[in-house]
Each structure stands twice: as structure tokens, then as C-alpha cells.
């Protein structure tokens, strides 16, 4: 009889932990790339300060898809990236998404060299879905560096989307 009571006392905390953790799980977000390649910027809607980027800012732009490819030449006003859809099966209205770009070393006019650009955005779901694009555009001569460029999107510790491009 003592053995079964001890087993029950040891098992009880595990049951409580497993029952409680089911209700506290973080929302699940999934991503799908719907189109990728070269884009042309046709206008800028707004620019925002972004301290962890080589340029020091990010732009919200009007873009036009040009062609599907992962290999492109570096040219001013040319961009590359992807259109995406994020979905969630939970009832969250918004989420903080981290955007990370890995690239060859870029030295900006202030003399700072970057190999990683990072910024975050709070996105707002509409009926469990969010559609947008992430594009890296060449707007300055000093940004046009050949090599491998990779764009990623993260939600907390989960890699949602990634795409690699070769710039020459």
C-alpha cells in the first residue's frame, strides 16, 4: 500500500504540469512563400528608422513582380525577395515577426560594416491570415554587393520562412 501512495504522490505533479501546460501553449503561426524572385520598386510609401540594418532604415514600398529566379544582377532600384502568407489557428489578433537578412559584408557611408540586417514588425491577422512581401532593394551603390543573400522570417524561436538568392 505504501508503494502505490508514493507513486501517486510522485505522479500527481506531472499530471498537474501536463494539464496546465496544454492551456498555456504559444499560438502556432505557419508561413507559405507564394512567389519569389526579382521585384521593381515603383514608389515609396514610408521610411522608418531601423538601427540594426546597414542602411539604418527600412522602406515600405510599392513593388511590382518582375520574374521568378534566385539569381540576379545587382542594379539600383532592383529588389529581390518573396510574397508570403502567414496563418494561425489560434485567436490571436497580432504577432511580432522578426525579419533577418544575411549577406556579404556591406560597409555603409558611416564606416559601419554589416553582414546581418534585423528588424521586427507587429503584424495583424485578418481572420487568421496575413499577406505581404519581404523585399531587399538596392537603393544605394554601396549596398550592391555580390554573393549569397538569405532572407528569413521568425516568430519567437520558430523559423517561418527562408529563401536564398545569389547576387552577381
Foldseek 3Di string as FASTA:
>chain_A
DVVVVVVCVVVVVVVVVVVVVVVVDDWDKAKDFPAWDKKAFPFWDDKDAACQAQVRIDTDTDIDDDDGDQEEEADARMKTWTKMKMFTPDPDFKAKKKKKKAAPWFQHPVRDIDRMGIDIDIFTDDVGMDIDIDMDGHNDPRVRDFDKMKMWMDGPPDTRDMDIHGYD
